[in-house]
Full PDB file with SEQRES, HELIX, SHEET, SSBOND, CRYST1, ORIGX, SCALE, CONECT and MASTER records, all heavy atoms in Angstrom:
SEQRES   1 A   45  PRO TYR SER MET ILE GLY SER ASP GLY SER ALA LEU SER          
SEQRES   2 A   45  VAL SER GLY PRO LEU SER HIS GLY HIS PRO HIS PRO ARG          
SEQRES   3 A   45  ASN PHE GLY THR PHE ALA ARG VAL LEU SER ARG TYR VAL          
SEQRES   4 A   45  ARG GLU GLN LYS LEU LEU                                      
HELIX    1 AA1 PRO A   17  SER A   19  5                                   3    
HELIX    2 AA2 ARG A   26  ARG A   33  1                                   8    
HELIX    3 AA3 VAL A   34  GLU A   41  3                                   8    
CRYST1    1.000    1.000    1.000  90.00  90.00  90.00 P 1           1          
ORIGX1      1.000000  0.000000  0.000000        0.00000                         
ORIGX2      0.000000  1.000000  0.000000        0.00000                         
ORIGX3      0.000000  0.000000  1.000000        0.00000                         
SCALE1      1.000000  0.000000  0.000000        0.00000                         
SCALE2      0.000000  1.000000  0.000000        0.00000                         
SCALE3      0.000000  0.000000  1.000000        0.00000                         
ATOM      1  N   PRO A   1       2.569 -19.672   1.284  1.00  0.00           N  
ATOM      2  CA  PRO A   1       1.569 -20.022   0.271  1.00  0.00           C  
ATOM      3  C   PRO A   1       0.138 -19.812   0.745  1.00  0.00           C  
ATOM      4  O   PRO A   1      -0.790 -19.889  -0.056  1.00  0.00           O  
ATOM      5  CB  PRO A   1       1.838 -21.507   0.004  1.00  0.00           C  
ATOM      6  CG  PRO A   1       2.502 -22.011   1.241  1.00  0.00           C  
ATOM      7  CD  PRO A   1       3.323 -20.856   1.746  1.00  0.00           C  
ATOM      8  N   TYR A   2      -0.030 -19.520   2.043  1.00  0.00           N  
ATOM      9  CA  TYR A   2      -1.366 -19.364   2.606  1.00  0.00           C  
ATOM     10  C   TYR A   2      -1.748 -17.909   2.811  1.00  0.00           C  
ATOM     11  O   TYR A   2      -2.782 -17.603   3.403  1.00  0.00           O  
ATOM     12  CB  TYR A   2      -1.469 -20.129   3.930  1.00  0.00           C  
ATOM     13  CG  TYR A   2      -0.924 -21.526   3.831  1.00  0.00           C  
ATOM     14  CD1 TYR A   2       0.163 -21.941   4.602  1.00  0.00           C  
ATOM     15  CD2 TYR A   2      -1.452 -22.432   2.916  1.00  0.00           C  
ATOM     16  CE1 TYR A   2       0.677 -23.224   4.479  1.00  0.00           C  
ATOM     17  CE2 TYR A   2      -0.939 -23.721   2.780  1.00  0.00           C  
ATOM     18  CZ  TYR A   2       0.136 -24.099   3.559  1.00  0.00           C  
ATOM     19  OH  TYR A   2       0.657 -25.374   3.422  1.00  0.00           O  
ATOM     20  N   SER A   3      -0.913 -16.979   2.333  1.00  0.00           N  
ATOM     21  CA  SER A   3      -1.194 -15.556   2.540  1.00  0.00           C  
ATOM     22  C   SER A   3      -1.581 -14.860   1.255  1.00  0.00           C  
ATOM     23  O   SER A   3      -1.160 -15.249   0.161  1.00  0.00           O  
ATOM     24  CB  SER A   3       0.030 -14.841   3.142  1.00  0.00           C  
ATOM     25  OG  SER A   3       1.046 -14.684   2.154  1.00  0.00           O  
ATOM     26  N   MET A   4      -2.394 -13.847   1.394  1.00  0.00           N  
ATOM     27  CA  MET A   4      -2.737 -12.944   0.299  1.00  0.00           C  
ATOM     28  C   MET A   4      -2.513 -11.514   0.780  1.00  0.00           C  
ATOM     29  O   MET A   4      -2.283 -11.273   1.960  1.00  0.00           O  
ATOM     30  CB  MET A   4      -4.165 -13.191  -0.182  1.00  0.00           C  
ATOM     31  CG  MET A   4      -5.224 -13.139   0.885  1.00  0.00           C  
ATOM     32  SD  MET A   4      -6.759 -14.023   0.444  1.00  0.00           S  
ATOM     33  CE  MET A   4      -6.377 -15.708   0.926  1.00  0.00           C  
ATOM     34  N   ILE A   5      -2.565 -10.566  -0.128  1.00  0.00           N  
ATOM     35  CA  ILE A   5      -2.245  -9.185   0.218  1.00  0.00           C  
ATOM     36  C   ILE A   5      -3.518  -8.401   0.513  1.00  0.00           C  
ATOM     37  O   ILE A   5      -4.483  -8.433  -0.257  1.00  0.00           O  
ATOM     38  CB  ILE A   5      -1.468  -8.503  -0.929  1.00  0.00           C  
ATOM     39  CG1 ILE A   5      -0.206  -9.306  -1.289  1.00  0.00           C  
ATOM     40  CG2 ILE A   5      -1.109  -7.064  -0.552  1.00  0.00           C  
ATOM     41  CD1 ILE A   5       0.777  -9.482  -0.162  1.00  0.00           C  
ATOM     42  N   GLY A   6      -3.521  -7.683   1.628  1.00  0.00           N  
ATOM     43  CA  GLY A   6      -4.608  -6.770   1.981  1.00  0.00           C  
ATOM     44  C   GLY A   6      -4.014  -5.518   2.587  1.00  0.00           C  
ATOM     45  O   GLY A   6      -3.063  -5.595   3.362  1.00  0.00           O  
ATOM     46  N   SER A   7      -4.541  -4.372   2.260  1.00  0.00           N  
ATOM     47  CA  SER A   7      -3.916  -3.101   2.687  1.00  0.00           C  
ATOM     48  C   SER A   7      -4.191  -2.750   4.143  1.00  0.00           C  
ATOM     49  O   SER A   7      -3.398  -2.075   4.780  1.00  0.00           O  
ATOM     50  CB  SER A   7      -4.397  -1.955   1.796  1.00  0.00           C  
ATOM     51  OG  SER A   7      -5.742  -1.607   2.104  1.00  0.00           O  
ATOM     52  N   ASP A   8      -5.347  -3.187   4.684  1.00  0.00           N  
ATOM     53  CA  ASP A   8      -5.812  -2.732   5.999  1.00  0.00           C  
ATOM     54  C   ASP A   8      -5.948  -1.211   5.994  1.00  0.00           C  
ATOM     55  O   ASP A   8      -5.818  -0.569   7.028  1.00  0.00           O  
ATOM     56  CB  ASP A   8      -4.857  -3.191   7.118  1.00  0.00           C  
ATOM     57  CG  ASP A   8      -5.467  -3.066   8.510  1.00  0.00           C  
ATOM     58  OD1 ASP A   8      -6.700  -2.920   8.599  1.00  0.00           O  
ATOM     59  OD2 ASP A   8      -4.722  -3.102   9.497  1.00  0.00           O  
ATOM     60  N   GLY A   9      -6.176  -0.643   4.806  1.00  0.00           N  
ATOM     61  CA  GLY A   9      -6.278   0.808   4.675  1.00  0.00           C  
ATOM     62  C   GLY A   9      -7.580   1.235   4.049  1.00  0.00           C  
ATOM     63  O   GLY A   9      -8.460   0.412   3.751  1.00  0.00           O  
ATOM     64  N   SER A  10      -7.688   2.529   3.804  1.00  0.00           N  
ATOM     65  CA  SER A  10      -8.895   3.117   3.238  1.00  0.00           C  
ATOM     66  C   SER A  10      -8.562   3.876   1.958  1.00  0.00           C  
ATOM     67  O   SER A  10      -7.419   4.261   1.732  1.00  0.00           O  
ATOM     68  CB  SER A  10      -9.536   4.087   4.242  1.00  0.00           C  
ATOM     69  OG  SER A  10      -9.807   3.449   5.459  1.00  0.00           O  
ATOM     70  N   ALA A  11      -9.592   4.124   1.154  1.00  0.00           N  
ATOM     71  CA  ALA A  11      -9.416   4.975  -0.012  1.00  0.00           C  
ATOM     72  C   ALA A  11      -9.297   6.415   0.447  1.00  0.00           C  
ATOM     73  O   ALA A  11     -10.220   6.970   1.049  1.00  0.00           O  
ATOM     74  CB  ALA A  11     -10.613   4.819  -0.953  1.00  0.00           C  
ATOM     75  N   LEU A  12      -8.146   7.014   0.189  1.00  0.00           N  
ATOM     76  CA  LEU A  12      -7.886   8.402   0.585  1.00  0.00           C  
ATOM     77  C   LEU A  12      -7.540   9.223  -0.654  1.00  0.00           C  
ATOM     78  O   LEU A  12      -7.560   8.733  -1.772  1.00  0.00           O  
ATOM     79  CB  LEU A  12      -6.752   8.467   1.604  1.00  0.00           C  
ATOM     80  CG  LEU A  12      -6.956   7.668   2.900  1.00  0.00           C  
ATOM     81  CD1 LEU A  12      -5.756   7.824   3.818  1.00  0.00           C  
ATOM     82  CD2 LEU A  12      -8.234   8.116   3.617  1.00  0.00           C  
ATOM     83  N   SER A  13      -7.219  10.482  -0.426  1.00  0.00           N  
ATOM     84  CA  SER A  13      -6.904  11.381  -1.528  1.00  0.00           C  
ATOM     85  C   SER A  13      -5.823  12.361  -1.064  1.00  0.00           C  
ATOM     86  O   SER A  13      -5.505  12.442   0.126  1.00  0.00           O  
ATOM     87  CB  SER A  13      -8.159  12.138  -1.966  1.00  0.00           C  
ATOM     88  OG  SER A  13      -7.887  13.017  -3.035  1.00  0.00           O  
ATOM     89  N   VAL A  14      -5.269  13.092  -2.008  1.00  0.00           N  
ATOM     90  CA  VAL A  14      -4.262  14.107  -1.655  1.00  0.00           C  
ATOM     91  C   VAL A  14      -4.918  15.469  -1.456  1.00  0.00           C  
ATOM     92  O   VAL A  14      -4.231  16.450  -1.125  1.00  0.00           O  
ATOM     93  CB  VAL A  14      -3.160  14.209  -2.725  1.00  0.00           C  
ATOM     94  CG1 VAL A  14      -2.400  12.889  -2.826  1.00  0.00           C  
ATOM     95  CG2 VAL A  14      -3.717  14.611  -4.085  1.00  0.00           C  
ATOM     96  N   SER A  15      -6.232  15.551  -1.665  1.00  0.00           N  
ATOM     97  CA  SER A  15      -6.952  16.798  -1.432  1.00  0.00           C  
ATOM     98  C   SER A  15      -8.363  16.480  -0.976  1.00  0.00           C  
ATOM     99  O   SER A  15      -8.852  15.363  -1.148  1.00  0.00           O  
ATOM    100  CB  SER A  15      -6.976  17.654  -2.709  1.00  0.00           C  
ATOM    101  OG  SER A  15      -7.656  16.967  -3.753  1.00  0.00           O  
ATOM    102  N   GLY A  16      -9.040  17.460  -0.404  1.00  0.00           N  
ATOM    103  CA  GLY A  16     -10.410  17.260   0.046  1.00  0.00           C  
ATOM    104  C   GLY A  16     -10.518  16.585   1.390  1.00  0.00           C  
ATOM    105  O   GLY A  16      -9.515  16.383   2.091  1.00  0.00           O  
ATOM    106  N   PRO A  17     -11.733  16.217   1.800  1.00  0.00           N  
ATOM    107  CA  PRO A  17     -11.964  15.677   3.148  1.00  0.00           C  
ATOM    108  C   PRO A  17     -11.263  14.358   3.440  1.00  0.00           C  
ATOM    109  O   PRO A  17     -11.050  14.025   4.599  1.00  0.00           O  
ATOM    110  CB  PRO A  17     -13.480  15.517   3.223  1.00  0.00           C  
ATOM    111  CG  PRO A  17     -13.948  15.501   1.799  1.00  0.00           C  
ATOM    112  CD  PRO A  17     -12.994  16.372   1.054  1.00  0.00           C  
ATOM    113  N   LEU A  18     -10.893  13.584   2.414  1.00  0.00           N  
ATOM    114  CA  LEU A  18     -10.191  12.325   2.637  1.00  0.00           C  
ATOM    115  C   LEU A  18      -8.669  12.499   2.592  1.00  0.00           C  
ATOM    116  O   LEU A  18      -7.929  11.525   2.480  1.00  0.00           O  
ATOM    117  CB  LEU A  18     -10.625  11.266   1.618  1.00  0.00           C  
ATOM    118  CG  LEU A  18     -12.084  10.806   1.725  1.00  0.00           C  
ATOM    119  CD1 LEU A  18     -12.368   9.705   0.720  1.00  0.00           C  
ATOM    120  CD2 LEU A  18     -12.437  10.342   3.135  1.00  0.00           C  
ATOM    121  N   SER A  19      -8.216  13.732   2.707  1.00  0.00           N  
ATOM    122  CA  SER A  19      -6.770  13.999   2.705  1.00  0.00           C  
ATOM    123  C   SER A  19      -6.258  14.450   4.071  1.00  0.00           C  
ATOM    124  O   SER A  19      -5.084  14.743   4.216  1.00  0.00           O  
ATOM    125  CB  SER A  19      -6.439  15.093   1.682  1.00  0.00           C  
ATOM    126  OG  SER A  19      -6.967  16.347   2.079  1.00  0.00           O  
ATOM    127  N   HIS A  20      -7.129  14.486   5.052  1.00  0.00           N  
ATOM    128  CA  HIS A  20      -6.742  14.974   6.371  1.00  0.00           C  
ATOM    129  C   HIS A  20      -5.810  14.005   7.098  1.00  0.00           C  
ATOM    130  O   HIS A  20      -5.822  12.808   6.854  1.00  0.00           O  
ATOM    131  CB  HIS A  20      -7.985  15.222   7.231  1.00  0.00           C  
ATOM    132  CG  HIS A  20      -8.870  16.300   6.696  1.00  0.00           C  
ATOM    133  ND1 HIS A  20     -10.171  16.470   7.100  1.00  0.00           N  
ATOM    134  CD2 HIS A  20      -8.649  17.259   5.758  1.00  0.00           C  
ATOM    135  CE1 HIS A  20     -10.711  17.493   6.449  1.00  0.00           C  
ATOM    136  NE2 HIS A  20      -9.810  17.973   5.630  1.00  0.00           N  
ATOM    137  N   GLY A  21      -5.009  14.543   7.987  1.00  0.00           N  
ATOM    138  CA  GLY A  21      -4.164  13.715   8.841  1.00  0.00           C  
ATOM    139  C   GLY A  21      -2.842  13.352   8.200  1.00  0.00           C  
ATOM    140  O   GLY A  21      -2.443  13.845   7.140  1.00  0.00           O  
ATOM    141  N   HIS A  22      -2.138  12.461   8.897  1.00  0.00           N  
ATOM    142  CA  HIS A  22      -0.823  11.955   8.471  1.00  0.00           C  
ATOM    143  C   HIS A  22      -0.938  10.435   8.447  1.00  0.00           C  
ATOM    144  O   HIS A  22      -0.463   9.753   9.358  1.00  0.00           O  
ATOM    145  CB  HIS A  22       0.249  12.418   9.463  1.00  0.00           C  
ATOM    146  CG  HIS A  22       1.647  12.181   8.990  1.00  0.00           C  
ATOM    147  ND1 HIS A  22       2.391  13.130   8.326  1.00  0.00           N  
ATOM    148  CD2 HIS A  22       2.441  11.082   9.076  1.00  0.00           C  
ATOM    149  CE1 HIS A  22       3.583  12.629   8.043  1.00  0.00           C  
ATOM    150  NE2 HIS A  22       3.630  11.389   8.484  1.00  0.00           N  
ATOM    151  N   PRO A  23      -1.572   9.875   7.412  1.00  0.00           N  
ATOM    152  CA  PRO A  23      -1.970   8.459   7.433  1.00  0.00           C  
ATOM    153  C   PRO A  23      -0.793   7.506   7.216  1.00  0.00           C  
ATOM    154  O   PRO A  23       0.302   7.888   6.831  1.00  0.00           O  
ATOM    155  CB  PRO A  23      -2.952   8.364   6.269  1.00  0.00           C  
ATOM    156  CG  PRO A  23      -2.479   9.429   5.314  1.00  0.00           C  
ATOM    157  CD  PRO A  23      -2.009  10.547   6.183  1.00  0.00           C  
ATOM    158  N   HIS A  24      -1.069   6.240   7.448  1.00  0.00           N  
ATOM    159  CA  HIS A  24      -0.137   5.158   7.138  1.00  0.00           C  
ATOM    160  C   HIS A  24       0.039   5.105   5.620  1.00  0.00           C  
ATOM    161  O   HIS A  24      -0.953   5.190   4.869  1.00  0.00           O  
ATOM    162  CB  HIS A  24      -0.715   3.838   7.651  1.00  0.00           C  
ATOM    163  CG  HIS A  24       0.241   2.711   7.738  1.00  0.00           C  
ATOM    164  ND1 HIS A  24       0.893   2.201   6.632  1.00  0.00           N  
ATOM    165  CD2 HIS A  24       0.659   1.949   8.796  1.00  0.00           C  
ATOM    166  CE1 HIS A  24       1.666   1.191   6.986  1.00  0.00           C  
ATOM    167  NE2 HIS A  24       1.534   1.007   8.307  1.00  0.00           N  
ATOM    168  N   PRO A  25       1.250   4.939   5.111  1.00  0.00           N  
ATOM    169  CA  PRO A  25       1.443   4.892   3.658  1.00  0.00           C  
ATOM    170  C   PRO A  25       0.777   3.709   2.963  1.00  0.00           C  
ATOM    171  O   PRO A  25       0.633   3.714   1.748  1.00  0.00           O  
ATOM    172  CB  PRO A  25       2.964   4.832   3.506  1.00  0.00           C  
ATOM    173  CG  PRO A  25       3.490   4.341   4.816  1.00  0.00           C  
ATOM    174  CD  PRO A  25       2.546   4.888   5.840  1.00  0.00           C  
ATOM    175  N   ARG A  26       0.323   2.714   3.726  1.00  0.00           N  
ATOM    176  CA  ARG A  26      -0.349   1.561   3.120  1.00  0.00           C  
ATOM    177  C   ARG A  26      -1.609   1.986   2.362  1.00  0.00           C  
ATOM    178  O   ARG A  26      -2.042   1.307   1.428  1.00  0.00           O  
ATOM    179  CB  ARG A  26      -0.710   0.530   4.195  1.00  0.00           C  
ATOM    180  CG  ARG A  26      -1.741   0.977   5.201  1.00  0.00           C  
ATOM    181  CD  ARG A  26      -1.827   0.042   6.380  1.00  0.00           C  
ATOM    182  NE  ARG A  26      -2.879   0.416   7.317  1.00  0.00           N  
ATOM    183  CZ  ARG A  26      -3.044  -0.141   8.511  1.00  0.00           C  
ATOM    184  NH1 ARG A  26      -2.210  -1.090   8.920  1.00  0.00           N  
ATOM    185  NH2 ARG A  26      -4.039   0.222   9.298  1.00  0.00           N  
ATOM    186  N   ASN A  27      -2.215   3.103   2.763  1.00  0.00           N  
ATOM    187  CA  ASN A  27      -3.410   3.589   2.079  1.00  0.00           C  
ATOM    188  C   ASN A  27      -3.121   3.978   0.631  1.00  0.00           C  
ATOM    189  O   ASN A  27      -4.031   3.971  -0.206  1.00  0.00           O  
ATOM    190  CB  ASN A  27      -3.995   4.793   2.821  1.00  0.00           C  
ATOM    191  CG  ASN A  27      -4.413   4.465   4.224  1.00  0.00           C  
ATOM    192  OD1 ASN A  27      -5.447   3.854   4.445  1.00  0.00           O  
ATOM    193  ND2 ASN A  27      -3.605   4.858   5.209  1.00  0.00           N  
ATOM    194  N   PHE A  28      -1.890   4.346   0.339  1.00  0.00           N  
ATOM    195  CA  PHE A  28      -1.499   4.815  -0.984  1.00  0.00           C  
ATOM    196  C   PHE A  28      -0.562   3.852  -1.719  1.00  0.00           C  
ATOM    197  O   PHE A  28      -0.431   3.960  -2.934  1.00  0.00           O  
ATOM    198  CB  PHE A  28      -0.784   6.175  -0.871  1.00  0.00           C  
ATOM    199  CG  PHE A  28      -1.688   7.322  -0.541  1.00  0.00           C  
ATOM    200  CD1 PHE A  28      -2.091   7.576   0.763  1.00  0.00           C  
ATOM    201  CD2 PHE A  28      -2.144   8.171  -1.548  1.00  0.00           C  
ATOM    202  CE1 PHE A  28      -2.925   8.646   1.072  1.00  0.00           C  
ATOM    203  CE2 PHE A  28      -2.979   9.230  -1.251  1.00  0.00           C  
ATOM    204  CZ  PHE A  28      -3.374   9.481   0.058  1.00  0.00           C  
ATOM    205  N   GLY A  29       0.096   2.925  -0.993  1.00  0.00           N  
ATOM    206  CA  GLY A  29       1.187   2.211  -1.634  1.00  0.00           C  
ATOM    207  C   GLY A  29       1.243   0.714  -1.545  1.00  0.00           C  
ATOM    208  O   GLY A  29       2.144   0.098  -2.127  1.00  0.00           O  
ATOM    209  N   THR A  30       0.315   0.066  -0.843  1.00  0.00           N  
ATOM    210  CA  THR A  30       0.448  -1.369  -0.546  1.00  0.00           C  
ATOM    211  C   THR A  30       0.767  -2.229  -1.766  1.00  0.00           C  
ATOM    212  O   THR A  30       1.748  -2.988  -1.775  1.00  0.00           O  
ATOM    213  CB  THR A  30      -0.851  -1.891   0.113  1.00  0.00           C  
ATOM    214  OG1 THR A  30      -0.958  -1.324   1.422  1.00  0.00           O  
ATOM    215  CG2 THR A  30      -0.840  -3.414   0.235  1.00  0.00           C  
ATOM    216  N   PHE A  31      -0.051  -2.151  -2.791  1.00  0.00           N  
ATOM    217  CA  PHE A  31       0.071  -3.086  -3.911  1.00  0.00           C  
ATOM    218  C   PHE A  31       1.267  -2.760  -4.788  1.00  0.00           C  
ATOM    219  O   PHE A  31       1.948  -3.669  -5.281  1.00  0.00           O  
ATOM    220  CB  PHE A  31      -1.249  -3.124  -4.691  1.00  0.00           C  
ATOM    221  CG  PHE A  31      -2.370  -3.694  -3.872  1.00  0.00           C  
ATOM    222  CD1 PHE A  31      -3.120  -2.887  -3.013  1.00  0.00           C  
ATOM    223  CD2 PHE A  31      -2.650  -5.041  -3.912  1.00  0.00           C  
ATOM    224  CE1 PHE A  31      -4.124  -3.417  -2.230  1.00  0.00           C  
ATOM    225  CE2 PHE A  31      -3.663  -5.599  -3.129  1.00  0.00           C  
ATOM    226  CZ  PHE A  31      -4.397  -4.779  -2.270  1.00  0.00           C  
ATOM    227  N   ALA A  32       1.549  -1.484  -4.953  1.00  0.00           N  
ATOM    228  CA  ALA A  32       2.752  -1.099  -5.704  1.00  0.00           C  
ATOM    229  C   ALA A  32       4.006  -1.508  -4.944  1.00  0.00           C  
ATOM    230  O   ALA A  32       5.011  -1.901  -5.545  1.00  0.00           O  
ATOM    231  CB  ALA A  32       2.749   0.418  -5.945  1.00  0.00           C  
ATOM    232  N   ARG A  33       3.971  -1.448  -3.619  1.00  0.00           N  
ATOM    233  CA  ARG A  33       5.135  -1.817  -2.806  1.00  0.00           C  
ATOM    234  C   ARG A  33       5.431  -3.321  -2.934  1.00  0.00           C  
ATOM    235  O   ARG A  33       6.605  -3.724  -2.983  1.00  0.00           O  
ATOM    236  CB  ARG A  33       4.900  -1.444  -1.339  1.00  0.00           C  
ATOM    237  CG  ARG A  33       6.079  -1.772  -0.411  1.00  0.00           C  
ATOM    238  CD  ARG A  33       5.769  -1.256   0.989  1.00  0.00           C  
ATOM    239  NE  ARG A  33       6.771  -1.646   1.980  1.00  0.00           N  
ATOM    240  CZ  ARG A  33       7.888  -0.981   2.226  1.00  0.00           C  
ATOM    241  NH1 ARG A  33       8.163   0.110   1.512  1.00  0.00           N  
ATOM    242  NH2 ARG A  33       8.737  -1.384   3.157  1.00  0.00           N  
ATOM    243  N   VAL A  34       4.411  -4.146  -2.965  1.00  0.00           N  
ATOM    244  CA  VAL A  34       4.629  -5.575  -3.154  1.00  0.00           C  
ATOM    245  C   VAL A  34       5.365  -5.826  -4.467  1.00  0.00           C  
ATOM    246  O   VAL A  34       6.331  -6.589  -4.534  1.00  0.00           O  
ATOM    247  CB  VAL A  34       3.291  -6.354  -3.117  1.00  0.00           C  
ATOM    248  CG1 VAL A  34       3.485  -7.791  -3.575  1.00  0.00           C  
ATOM    249  CG2 VAL A  34       2.696  -6.324  -1.708  1.00  0.00           C  
ATOM    250  N   LEU A  35       4.904  -5.163  -5.512  1.00  0.00           N  
ATOM    251  CA  LEU A  35       5.511  -5.373  -6.825  1.00  0.00           C  
ATOM    252  C   LEU A  35       6.926  -4.823  -6.917  1.00  0.00           C  
ATOM    253  O   LEU A  35       7.818  -5.456  -7.485  1.00  0.00           O  
ATOM    254  CB  LEU A  35       4.635  -4.742  -7.908  1.00  0.00           C  
ATOM    255  CG  LEU A  35       3.254  -5.403  -8.113  1.00  0.00           C  
ATOM    256  CD1 LEU A  35       2.405  -4.564  -9.050  1.00  0.00           C  
ATOM    257  CD2 LEU A  35       3.411  -6.816  -8.644  1.00  0.00           C  
ATOM    258  N   SER A  36       7.149  -3.641  -6.357  1.00  0.00           N  
ATOM    259  CA  SER A  36       8.475  -3.027  -6.476  1.00  0.00           C  
ATOM    260  C   SER A  36       9.482  -3.636  -5.509  1.00  0.00           C  
ATOM    261  O   SER A  36      10.584  -4.024  -5.906  1.00  0.00           O  
ATOM    262  CB  SER A  36       8.380  -1.513  -6.251  1.00  0.00           C  
ATOM    263  OG  SER A  36       7.918  -1.206  -4.938  1.00  0.00           O  
ATOM    264  N   ARG A  37       9.108  -3.768  -4.241  1.00  0.00           N  
ATOM    265  CA  ARG A  37      10.044  -4.209  -3.210  1.00  0.00           C  
ATOM    266  C   ARG A  37      10.233  -5.726  -3.194  1.00  0.00           C  
ATOM    267  O   ARG A  37      11.365  -6.231  -3.166  1.00  0.00           O  
ATOM    268  CB  ARG A  37       9.577  -3.721  -1.842  1.00  0.00           C  
ATOM    269  CG  ARG A  37      10.515  -4.074  -0.687  1.00  0.00           C  
ATOM    270  CD  ARG A  37       9.979  -3.488   0.602  1.00  0.00           C  
ATOM    271  NE  ARG A  37      10.794  -3.814   1.753  1.00  0.00           N  
ATOM    272  CZ  ARG A  37      11.874  -3.138   2.154  1.00  0.00           C  
ATOM    273  NH1 ARG A  37      12.271  -2.086   1.456  1.00  0.00           N  
ATOM    274  NH2 ARG A  37      12.555  -3.505   3.229  1.00  0.00           N  
ATOM    275  N   TYR A  38       9.125  -6.452  -3.211  1.00  0.00           N  
ATOM    276  CA  TYR A  38       9.206  -7.890  -2.971  1.00  0.00           C  
ATOM    277  C   TYR A  38       9.259  -8.723  -4.255  1.00  0.00           C  
ATOM    278  O   TYR A  38       9.597  -9.901  -4.200  1.00  0.00           O  
ATOM    279  CB  TYR A  38       8.069  -8.336  -2.063  1.00  0.00           C  
ATOM    280  CG  TYR A  38       8.171  -7.694  -0.706  1.00  0.00           C  
ATOM    281  CD1 TYR A  38       7.325  -6.655  -0.323  1.00  0.00           C  
ATOM    282  CD2 TYR A  38       9.169  -8.085   0.195  1.00  0.00           C  
ATOM    283  CE1 TYR A  38       7.441  -6.032   0.918  1.00  0.00           C  
ATOM    284  CE2 TYR A  38       9.293  -7.468   1.435  1.00  0.00           C  
ATOM    285  CZ  TYR A  38       8.433  -6.448   1.783  1.00  0.00           C  
ATOM    286  OH  TYR A  38       8.574  -5.824   3.011  1.00  0.00           O  
ATOM    287  N   VAL A  39       8.908  -8.122  -5.383  1.00  0.00           N  
ATOM    288  CA  VAL A  39       9.054  -8.819  -6.664  1.00  0.00           C  
ATOM    289  C   VAL A  39      10.304  -8.342  -7.385  1.00  0.00           C  
ATOM    290  O   VAL A  39      11.236  -9.112  -7.614  1.00  0.00           O  
ATOM    291  CB  VAL A  39       7.802  -8.623  -7.556  1.00  0.00           C  
ATOM    292  CG1 VAL A  39       8.020  -9.254  -8.926  1.00  0.00           C  
ATOM    293  CG2 VAL A  39       6.570  -9.251  -6.890  1.00  0.00           C  
ATOM    294  N   ARG A  40      10.350  -7.062  -7.738  1.00  0.00           N  
ATOM    295  CA  ARG A  40      11.460  -6.569  -8.562  1.00  0.00           C  
ATOM    296  C   ARG A  40      12.778  -6.494  -7.807  1.00  0.00           C  
ATOM    297  O   ARG A  40      13.812  -6.972  -8.287  1.00  0.00           O  
ATOM    298  CB  ARG A  40      11.123  -5.185  -9.126  1.00  0.00           C  
ATOM    299  CG  ARG A  40      12.177  -4.672 -10.117  1.00  0.00           C  
ATOM    300  CD  ARG A  40      11.861  -3.276 -10.592  1.00  0.00           C  
ATOM    301  NE  ARG A  40      11.984  -2.288  -9.541  1.00  0.00           N  
ATOM    302  CZ  ARG A  40      11.042  -1.402  -9.228  1.00  0.00           C  
ATOM    303  NH1 ARG A  40       9.885  -1.397  -9.896  1.00  0.00           N  
ATOM    304  NH2 ARG A  40      11.215  -0.524  -8.252  1.00  0.00           N  
ATOM    305  N   GLU A  41      12.757  -5.905  -6.608  1.00  0.00           N  
ATOM    306  CA  GLU A  41      14.010  -5.632  -5.899  1.00  0.00           C  
ATOM    307  C   GLU A  41      14.525  -6.850  -5.125  1.00  0.00           C  
ATOM    308  O   GLU A  41      15.668  -7.263  -5.284  1.00  0.00           O  
ATOM    309  CB  GLU A  41      13.826  -4.445  -4.956  1.00  0.00           C  
ATOM    310  CG  GLU A  41      13.517  -3.139  -5.686  1.00  0.00           C  
ATOM    311  CD  GLU A  41      13.113  -2.021  -4.736  1.00  0.00           C  
ATOM    312  OE1 GLU A  41      13.227  -2.210  -3.493  1.00  0.00           O  
ATOM    313  OE2 GLU A  41      12.680  -0.957  -5.231  1.00  0.00           O  
ATOM    314  N   GLN A  42      13.683  -7.433  -4.280  1.00  0.00           N  
ATOM    315  CA  GLN A  42      14.155  -8.525  -3.418  1.00  0.00           C  
ATOM    316  C   GLN A  42      13.924  -9.906  -4.012  1.00  0.00           C  
ATOM    317  O   GLN A  42      14.494 -10.882  -3.522  1.00  0.00           O  
ATOM    318  CB  GLN A  42      13.473  -8.422  -2.052  1.00  0.00           C  
ATOM    319  CG  GLN A  42      13.805  -7.156  -1.298  1.00  0.00           C  
ATOM    320  CD  GLN A  42      13.275  -7.176   0.138  1.00  0.00           C  
ATOM    321  OE1 GLN A  42      12.801  -8.195   0.631  1.00  0.00           O  
ATOM    322  NE2 GLN A  42      13.351  -6.046   0.810  1.00  0.00           N  
ATOM    323  N   LYS A  43      13.080  -9.973  -5.037  1.00  0.00           N  
ATOM    324  CA  LYS A  43      12.767 -11.258  -5.684  1.00  0.00           C  
ATOM    325  C   LYS A  43      12.279 -12.307  -4.676  1.00  0.00           C  
ATOM    326  O   LYS A  43      12.548 -13.497  -4.799  1.00  0.00           O  
ATOM    327  CB  LYS A  43      13.970 -11.766  -6.467  1.00  0.00           C  
ATOM    328  CG  LYS A  43      14.329 -10.852  -7.639  1.00  0.00           C  
ATOM    329  CD  LYS A  43      15.530 -11.325  -8.404  1.00  0.00           C  
ATOM    330  CE  LYS A  43      15.729 -10.523  -9.691  1.00  0.00           C  
ATOM    331  NZ  LYS A  43      15.712  -9.039  -9.494  1.00  0.00           N  
ATOM    332  N   LEU A  44      11.570 -11.837  -3.641  1.00  0.00           N  
ATOM    333  CA  LEU A  44      10.956 -12.750  -2.678  1.00  0.00           C  
ATOM    334  C   LEU A  44       9.836 -13.545  -3.344  1.00  0.00           C  
ATOM    335  O   LEU A  44       9.626 -14.719  -3.034  1.00  0.00           O  
ATOM    336  CB  LEU A  44      10.400 -11.949  -1.490  1.00  0.00           C  
ATOM    337  CG  LEU A  44       9.722 -12.736  -0.383  1.00  0.00           C  
ATOM    338  CD1 LEU A  44      10.748 -13.556   0.398  1.00  0.00           C  
ATOM    339  CD2 LEU A  44       8.967 -11.790   0.562  1.00  0.00           C  
ATOM    340  N   LEU A  45       9.105 -12.882  -4.250  1.00  0.00           N  
ATOM    341  CA  LEU A  45       8.026 -13.507  -4.993  1.00  0.00           C  
ATOM    342  C   LEU A  45       8.283 -13.341  -6.480  1.00  0.00           C  
ATOM    343  O   LEU A  45       8.881 -12.355  -6.914  1.00  0.00           O  
ATOM    344  CB  LEU A  45       6.677 -12.823  -4.680  1.00  0.00           C  
ATOM    345  CG  LEU A  45       6.167 -12.814  -3.244  1.00  0.00           C  
ATOM    346  CD1 LEU A  45       4.910 -11.956  -3.160  1.00  0.00           C  
ATOM    347  CD2 LEU A  45       5.881 -14.219  -2.749  1.00  0.00           C  
TER     348      LEU A  45                                                      
MASTER        0    0    0    3    0    0    0    6  347    1    0    4          
END                                                                             
């Protein structure tokens, strides 16, 4: 009950200068993952 969600990531893109590298998926998926994995699938929340 004392935690909130934070990505620890940056705004990136699939093209242009913010698309370089092989980043952590949290930059693209954190909030959707909470809803899909921990709400819909696992019903943790």
